[in-house]
Amino acid sequence: MSTATQLPTYSPTDALAAFCKAAGEPLRLNILRALSNDSFGVLELAQIFATGQSGISHHLKVLTQAGLVTSRREGNAIFYRRSLPQQQSPDELLHNALLSSLDDLPLPADVLLRLKQVHGQRAQASQEFFERMAGDFQSRQDLIAGLPQFRDSLLALLDSLTFPAEATAIEVGPGDGGFLAELSSRFAQVRALDNSPQMLELARQTCTKHGLHNVQLQLADALHDDVAAADCVVVNMVLHHFAAPADALCLLARLVKPSGSLLITELCRHDQDWAKQACGDLWLGFDQDELAQWADAAGLIPSESLYLGLKNGFQIQLRHFAKPDSRSTLTHR
């Protein structure tokens, strides 16, 4: 009489041992450090750590099996990011302690330099797309989610907020300027920031057409140039064009005055990878909890949210993040 083969069972100590083994290697720890607020593909990580692709793939496999990283497909590439500790798992406390300790450690200078080079390559690809496709960009954007598809919902969210009569606003990446008229009628002064002269020229033509005299067009990099803060910052369908969206959200937060608001319109995560080629998207949307997590790291408080389903299968998230008053922050510390 034959007996069924017994499958091996893994005890909590087995899982803890696998976790410790995965974390017990310097390169894997540096990979986790690099993934602290970003996600990278295998080829990018191989460039960052000056290591062969097969070696990086092996380390990522070990980290994935230990539950330290997760992967997701972005078009033809697979990107890796750090996993959050699982509640009530055997390694939860150790996982939290490991990530906390890692985030206090700097990356080696040469690794940090190559990481910045990867971000620069992403940013250059995005900027070159806008310079090349400026005249045709709006028709391409309409393939996914043009302004008319979310304008009314965004205005309802904006009008639910209270700003003083002298309040100012910034729109980052205004495209052809289609939303500037709405901001112009609601704020005393509006600035439109874009690092593409071609795109800014489209916005200028819109401002001239509608006589938007309180709108200032500024050729600037919203993430790195010295830009004065405003009471309300609007970012419509732009975050998925940034090389490092989590870092971008932290830098965008500095443009918001205390007690001000950051309004973000973005795609929810999707798998339609043709958007990368057609619209220059670096990322295929974002999970809702990703934006909330990044906003929290930027010192912002998640507030109202709206979600719109479109007929073409895309879903849009409209998010309001509030920046607390610095005095109230000090009071609660």
Protein backbone atom coordinates (compact mmCIF):
# COMPACT_ATOMS: atom_id res chain seq x y z
CA MET A 1 0.00 0.00 0.00
CA SER A 2 1.50 3.28 -1.10
CA THR A 3 1.45 6.36 1.03
CA ALA A 4 1.18 9.95 -0.20
CA THR A 5 4.39 11.90 -0.31
CA GLN A 6 4.58 14.33 2.56
CA LEU A 7 5.31 17.88 1.44
CA PRO A 8 7.90 19.69 3.55
CA THR A 9 6.53 22.10 6.10
CA TYR A 10 8.23 25.31 7.08
CA SER A 11 8.18 26.50 10.64
CA PRO A 12 8.30 30.17 11.70
CA THR A 13 11.98 29.66 12.53
CA ASP A 14 12.60 28.45 8.96
CA ALA A 15 11.07 31.65 7.61
CA LEU A 16 13.11 33.74 10.05
CA ALA A 17 16.29 31.93 9.07
CA ALA A 18 15.59 32.60 5.36
CA PHE A 19 15.02 36.26 6.16
CA CYS A 20 18.30 36.53 8.07
CA LYS A 21 20.20 34.74 5.31
CA ALA A 22 18.79 37.07 2.65
CA ALA A 23 19.67 40.16 4.68
CA GLY A 24 23.13 38.89 5.61
CA GLU A 25 24.96 40.06 2.50
CA PRO A 26 26.35 43.59 1.96
CA LEU A 27 25.30 43.97 -1.69
CA ARG A 28 21.75 42.84 -0.93
CA LEU A 29 21.59 45.38 1.91
CA ASN A 30 22.73 48.14 -0.44
CA ILE A 31 20.09 47.05 -2.97
CA LEU A 32 17.44 47.37 -0.24
CA ARG A 33 18.85 50.79 0.65
CA ALA A 34 18.63 51.93 -2.99
CA LEU A 35 15.02 50.71 -3.14
CA SER A 36 14.04 52.70 -0.04
CA ASN A 37 11.90 55.18 -1.95
CA ASP A 38 12.20 54.05 -5.55
CA SER A 39 11.90 51.07 -7.87
CA PHE A 40 14.41 49.89 -10.44
CA GLY A 41 14.71 47.31 -13.18
CA VAL A 42 17.41 44.64 -13.26
CA LEU A 43 19.48 46.48 -15.87
CA GLU A 44 19.27 49.73 -13.89
CA LEU A 45 20.39 47.98 -10.70
CA ALA A 46 23.23 46.31 -12.61
CA GLN A 47 24.34 49.79 -13.73
CA ILE A 48 23.95 51.30 -10.25
CA PHE A 49 26.00 48.59 -8.56
CA ALA A 50 28.41 47.98 -11.47
CA THR A 51 27.55 44.28 -11.31
CA GLY A 52 26.59 41.76 -13.96
CA GLN A 53 22.90 41.29 -14.72
CA SER A 54 22.94 37.63 -13.69
CA GLY A 55 24.41 38.49 -10.31
CA ILE A 56 21.79 41.17 -9.65
CA SER A 57 19.04 38.78 -10.74
CA HIS A 58 20.29 36.18 -8.25
CA HIS A 59 20.29 38.67 -5.37
CA LEU A 60 16.81 39.89 -6.29
CA LYS A 61 15.55 36.30 -6.35
CA VAL A 62 16.89 35.71 -2.83
CA LEU A 63 15.39 38.97 -1.57
CA THR A 64 12.05 38.17 -3.20
CA GLN A 65 11.88 34.69 -1.70
CA ALA A 66 12.56 36.17 1.74
CA GLY A 67 9.74 38.69 1.30
CA LEU A 68 12.07 41.70 1.29
CA VAL A 69 11.28 42.90 -2.25
CA THR A 70 8.36 42.61 -4.64
CA SER A 71 8.25 43.02 -8.41
CA ARG A 72 5.85 44.48 -10.92
CA ARG A 73 5.83 44.65 -14.69
CA GLU A 74 6.13 48.05 -16.39
CA GLY A 75 5.80 47.45 -20.11
CA ASN A 76 8.56 45.07 -21.17
CA ALA A 77 10.57 45.52 -17.97
CA ILE A 78 10.16 44.21 -14.43
CA PHE A 79 10.75 46.69 -11.64
CA TYR A 80 11.60 45.85 -8.05
CA ARG A 81 10.69 47.69 -4.87
CA ARG A 82 10.98 47.07 -1.16
CA SER A 83 8.24 45.08 0.55
CA LEU A 84 6.52 46.40 3.63
CA PRO A 85 6.71 44.18 6.73
CA GLN A 86 3.78 41.78 6.97
CA GLN A 87 1.81 42.14 10.18
CA GLN A 88 2.04 39.16 12.56
CA SER A 89 4.69 37.46 10.41
CA PRO A 90 7.65 35.85 12.21
CA ASP A 91 10.02 38.48 10.85
CA GLU A 92 7.81 41.58 11.28
CA LEU A 93 9.83 43.14 14.11
CA LEU A 94 13.14 42.26 12.51
CA HIS A 95 11.94 43.53 9.12
CA ASN A 96 10.92 46.89 10.62
CA ALA A 97 14.22 47.20 12.47
CA LEU A 98 16.23 46.32 9.36
CA LEU A 99 14.53 48.92 7.15
CA SER A 100 14.79 51.56 9.87
CA SER A 101 18.51 50.90 10.29
CA LEU A 102 19.13 50.85 6.53
CA ASP A 103 17.43 54.19 6.01
CA ASP A 104 19.88 55.78 8.45
CA LEU A 105 22.85 54.59 6.40
CA PRO A 106 24.24 56.44 3.36
CA LEU A 107 24.89 54.63 0.10
CA PRO A 108 28.54 54.50 -1.03
CA ALA A 109 29.47 57.62 -2.99
CA ASP A 110 30.10 55.76 -6.26
CA VAL A 111 26.77 53.92 -5.99
CA LEU A 112 24.94 57.16 -5.26
CA LEU A 113 26.55 58.78 -8.31
CA ARG A 114 25.45 55.96 -10.62
CA LEU A 115 21.95 56.02 -9.11
CA LYS A 116 21.69 59.71 -9.97
CA GLN A 117 22.90 58.88 -13.49
CA VAL A 118 20.04 56.39 -13.89
CA HIS A 119 17.55 59.04 -12.73
CA GLY A 120 19.15 61.47 -15.18
CA GLN A 121 18.73 59.02 -18.05
CA ARG A 122 15.04 58.60 -17.21
CA ALA A 123 14.52 62.37 -16.97
CA GLN A 124 16.34 63.01 -20.25
CA ALA A 125 14.22 60.45 -22.08
CA SER A 126 11.06 62.12 -20.78
CA GLN A 127 12.19 65.64 -21.68
CA GLU A 128 13.27 64.57 -25.16
CA PHE A 129 9.83 63.08 -25.72
CA PHE A 130 8.09 66.35 -24.85
CA GLU A 131 10.44 68.38 -26.99
CA ARG A 132 9.83 66.03 -29.90
CA MET A 133 6.08 65.62 -29.50
CA ALA A 134 4.96 68.99 -28.14
CA GLY A 135 2.79 69.81 -31.14
CA ASP A 136 1.07 66.43 -31.03
CA PHE A 137 1.10 65.83 -27.30
CA GLN A 138 -2.51 66.73 -26.51
CA SER A 139 -3.94 64.34 -29.08
CA ARG A 140 -1.71 61.61 -27.66
CA GLN A 141 -2.75 62.44 -24.09
CA ASP A 142 -6.40 62.24 -25.12
CA LEU A 143 -5.83 58.59 -26.00
CA ILE A 144 -5.54 57.95 -22.25
CA ALA A 145 -7.13 60.72 -20.20
CA GLY A 146 -7.52 64.26 -21.52
CA LEU A 147 -8.48 67.20 -19.32
CA PRO A 148 -12.20 67.16 -20.35
CA GLN A 149 -12.51 63.69 -18.81
CA PHE A 150 -11.62 64.85 -15.31
CA ARG A 151 -11.98 68.67 -15.37
CA ASP A 152 -15.40 68.84 -13.66
CA SER A 153 -14.40 66.40 -10.92
CA LEU A 154 -11.15 68.24 -10.30
CA LEU A 155 -12.99 71.56 -10.11
CA ALA A 156 -15.48 70.11 -7.62
CA LEU A 157 -12.58 68.96 -5.46
CA LEU A 158 -10.81 72.31 -5.80
CA ASP A 159 -13.96 74.31 -5.01
CA SER A 160 -14.56 72.26 -1.86
CA LEU A 161 -11.39 73.78 -0.40
CA THR A 162 -11.19 77.21 1.20
CA PHE A 163 -8.48 79.69 0.22
CA PRO A 164 -8.10 83.38 1.15
CA ALA A 165 -8.80 86.01 -1.52
CA GLU A 166 -5.08 86.69 -1.96
CA ALA A 167 -4.17 82.99 -2.36
CA THR A 168 -1.73 81.93 -5.06
CA ALA A 169 -1.49 78.75 -7.12
CA ILE A 170 1.10 76.81 -9.12
CA GLU A 171 0.44 74.32 -11.88
CA VAL A 172 3.38 72.01 -12.54
CA GLY A 173 3.54 70.79 -16.13
CA PRO A 174 0.50 72.70 -17.48
CA GLY A 175 0.60 71.01 -20.89
CA ASP A 176 -1.20 73.23 -23.39
CA GLY A 177 -2.55 75.39 -20.54
CA GLY A 178 -6.09 74.04 -20.61
CA PHE A 179 -6.54 74.23 -16.83
CA LEU A 180 -4.90 77.63 -16.32
CA ALA A 181 -8.12 79.57 -17.01
CA GLU A 182 -9.83 77.73 -14.13
CA LEU A 183 -6.98 78.54 -11.78
CA SER A 184 -6.81 82.13 -13.02
CA SER A 185 -10.44 82.74 -12.03
CA ARG A 186 -9.95 81.27 -8.55
CA PHE A 187 -6.58 82.63 -7.41
CA ALA A 188 -5.04 86.09 -7.23
CA GLN A 189 -1.83 84.93 -8.89
CA VAL A 190 -1.00 81.75 -10.82
CA ARG A 191 2.36 80.41 -11.96
CA ALA A 192 2.77 77.71 -14.59
CA LEU A 193 6.06 75.80 -14.37
CA ASP A 194 7.50 73.65 -17.14
CA ASN A 195 11.04 72.67 -18.12
CA SER A 196 10.10 72.29 -21.80
CA PRO A 197 10.15 75.54 -23.84
CA GLN A 198 7.97 73.88 -26.48
CA MET A 199 5.25 72.94 -23.99
CA LEU A 200 5.44 76.35 -22.30
CA GLU A 201 4.87 78.02 -25.67
CA LEU A 202 1.61 76.08 -26.04
CA ALA A 203 0.53 77.32 -22.59
CA ARG A 204 1.49 80.90 -23.58
CA GLN A 205 -0.76 80.73 -26.63
CA THR A 206 -3.67 79.60 -24.43
CA CYS A 207 -3.05 82.42 -21.95
CA THR A 208 -3.00 84.97 -24.77
CA LYS A 209 -6.18 83.56 -26.30
CA HIS A 210 -8.11 83.77 -23.02
CA GLY A 211 -6.51 86.96 -21.70
CA LEU A 212 -5.14 85.35 -18.53
CA HIS A 213 -3.25 88.37 -17.21
CA ASN A 214 -2.65 86.99 -13.72
CA VAL A 215 -0.84 83.89 -15.00
CA GLN A 216 2.96 83.90 -15.07
CA LEU A 217 4.70 81.33 -17.26
CA GLN A 218 8.02 80.17 -15.87
CA LEU A 219 10.61 77.98 -17.59
CA ALA A 220 11.78 76.05 -14.56
CA ASP A 221 12.41 72.61 -13.14
CA ALA A 222 9.83 72.38 -10.36
CA LEU A 223 11.88 69.74 -8.54
CA HIS A 224 15.26 71.43 -8.47
CA ASP A 225 15.00 75.14 -9.24
CA ASP A 226 14.41 77.73 -6.54
CA VAL A 227 10.66 78.34 -6.79
CA ALA A 228 8.57 80.30 -4.29
CA ALA A 229 5.81 78.32 -2.56
CA ALA A 230 2.08 78.79 -3.20
CA ASP A 231 -1.16 78.10 -1.34
CA CYS A 232 -2.29 75.51 -3.87
CA VAL A 233 -0.16 73.33 -6.15
CA VAL A 234 -1.83 71.38 -8.97
CA VAL A 235 -0.14 68.46 -10.73
CA ASN A 236 -2.28 66.97 -13.51
CA MET A 237 -1.09 63.77 -15.20
CA VAL A 238 2.55 64.63 -14.58
CA LEU A 239 3.83 62.37 -11.81
CA HIS A 240 4.12 59.35 -14.13
CA HIS A 241 6.62 61.34 -16.21
CA PHE A 242 9.05 61.88 -13.32
CA ALA A 243 12.16 59.71 -13.08
CA ALA A 244 11.68 59.12 -9.33
CA PRO A 245 8.04 59.85 -8.44
CA ALA A 246 8.41 59.27 -4.68
CA ASP A 247 11.29 61.76 -4.50
CA ALA A 248 9.34 64.08 -6.79
CA LEU A 249 6.40 64.14 -4.39
CA CYS A 250 8.73 65.14 -1.55
CA LEU A 251 10.14 67.97 -3.65
CA LEU A 252 6.68 69.08 -4.82
CA ALA A 253 5.62 69.31 -1.17
CA ARG A 254 8.14 72.09 -0.61
CA LEU A 255 6.22 74.21 -3.16
CA VAL A 256 3.15 74.12 -0.87
CA LYS A 257 2.84 76.74 1.84
CA PRO A 258 1.95 75.61 5.38
CA SER A 259 -1.83 75.03 5.58
CA GLY A 260 -1.83 74.78 1.77
CA SER A 261 -2.98 72.03 -0.58
CA LEU A 262 -1.43 69.73 -3.17
CA LEU A 263 -3.88 68.40 -5.78
CA ILE A 264 -2.71 65.47 -7.86
CA THR A 265 -4.54 63.91 -10.78
CA GLU A 266 -2.96 60.60 -11.75
CA LEU A 267 -3.61 57.29 -13.42
CA CYS A 268 -4.26 54.30 -11.21
CA ARG A 269 -1.97 51.38 -11.93
CA HIS A 270 -2.67 49.76 -15.30
CA ASP A 271 -1.05 47.31 -17.70
CA GLN A 272 -1.45 49.13 -21.03
CA ASP A 273 2.25 49.44 -21.81
CA TRP A 274 1.65 51.15 -25.18
CA ALA A 275 1.30 54.36 -23.13
CA LYS A 276 5.07 54.42 -22.66
CA GLN A 277 5.71 54.73 -26.37
CA ALA A 278 2.68 56.82 -27.33
CA CYS A 279 2.71 59.31 -24.46
CA GLY A 280 6.22 59.11 -23.04
CA ASP A 281 5.00 57.67 -19.73
CA LEU A 282 7.80 56.41 -17.51
CA TRP A 283 5.38 54.64 -15.16
CA LEU A 284 2.10 52.82 -15.77
CA GLY A 285 0.16 54.68 -13.09
CA PHE A 286 0.38 54.19 -9.34
CA ASP A 287 -1.39 52.28 -6.60
CA GLN A 288 -3.51 54.45 -4.35
CA ASP A 289 -1.57 53.45 -1.24
CA GLU A 290 1.72 54.30 -2.98
CA LEU A 291 0.75 57.96 -3.27
CA ALA A 292 -0.50 58.02 0.32
CA GLN A 293 2.74 56.46 1.57
CA TRP A 294 4.90 58.90 -0.41
CA ALA A 295 2.80 61.87 0.71
CA ASP A 296 3.18 60.82 4.33
CA ALA A 297 6.96 60.67 3.88
CA ALA A 298 6.77 64.19 2.41
CA GLY A 299 4.98 65.52 5.50
CA LEU A 300 1.59 65.78 3.81
CA ILE A 301 -1.76 64.57 5.11
CA PRO A 302 -4.02 62.57 2.75
CA SER A 303 -7.47 64.14 2.49
CA GLU A 304 -10.29 63.93 -0.07
CA SER A 305 -9.99 61.46 -2.93
CA LEU A 306 -12.07 60.81 -6.05
CA TYR A 307 -11.77 57.93 -8.49
CA LEU A 308 -13.05 57.97 -12.07
CA GLY A 309 -13.38 54.96 -14.34
CA LEU A 310 -12.96 55.70 -18.05
CA LYS A 311 -14.46 53.84 -20.99
CA ASN A 312 -11.03 52.96 -22.37
CA GLY A 313 -10.21 50.90 -19.28
CA PHE A 314 -8.11 53.48 -17.44
CA GLN A 315 -8.98 54.73 -13.97
CA ILE A 316 -8.06 58.18 -12.67
CA GLN A 317 -7.40 59.13 -9.07
CA LEU A 318 -7.85 62.73 -7.92
CA ARG A 319 -6.06 63.23 -4.61
CA HIS A 320 -5.94 66.11 -2.17
CA PHE A 321 -3.00 66.25 0.24
CA ALA A 322 -2.89 68.95 2.92
CA LYS A 323 0.28 70.47 4.31
CA PRO A 324 -0.05 71.07 8.04
CA ASP A 325 0.71 74.42 9.57
CA SER A 326 4.26 74.35 10.92
CA ARG A 327 3.09 75.78 14.24
CA SER A 328 0.50 73.05 14.75
CA THR A 329 3.15 70.46 13.85
CA LEU A 330 5.41 71.80 16.57
CA THR A 331 2.53 71.80 19.04
CA HIS A 332 1.90 68.09 18.53
CA ARG A 333 5.52 67.03 18.89
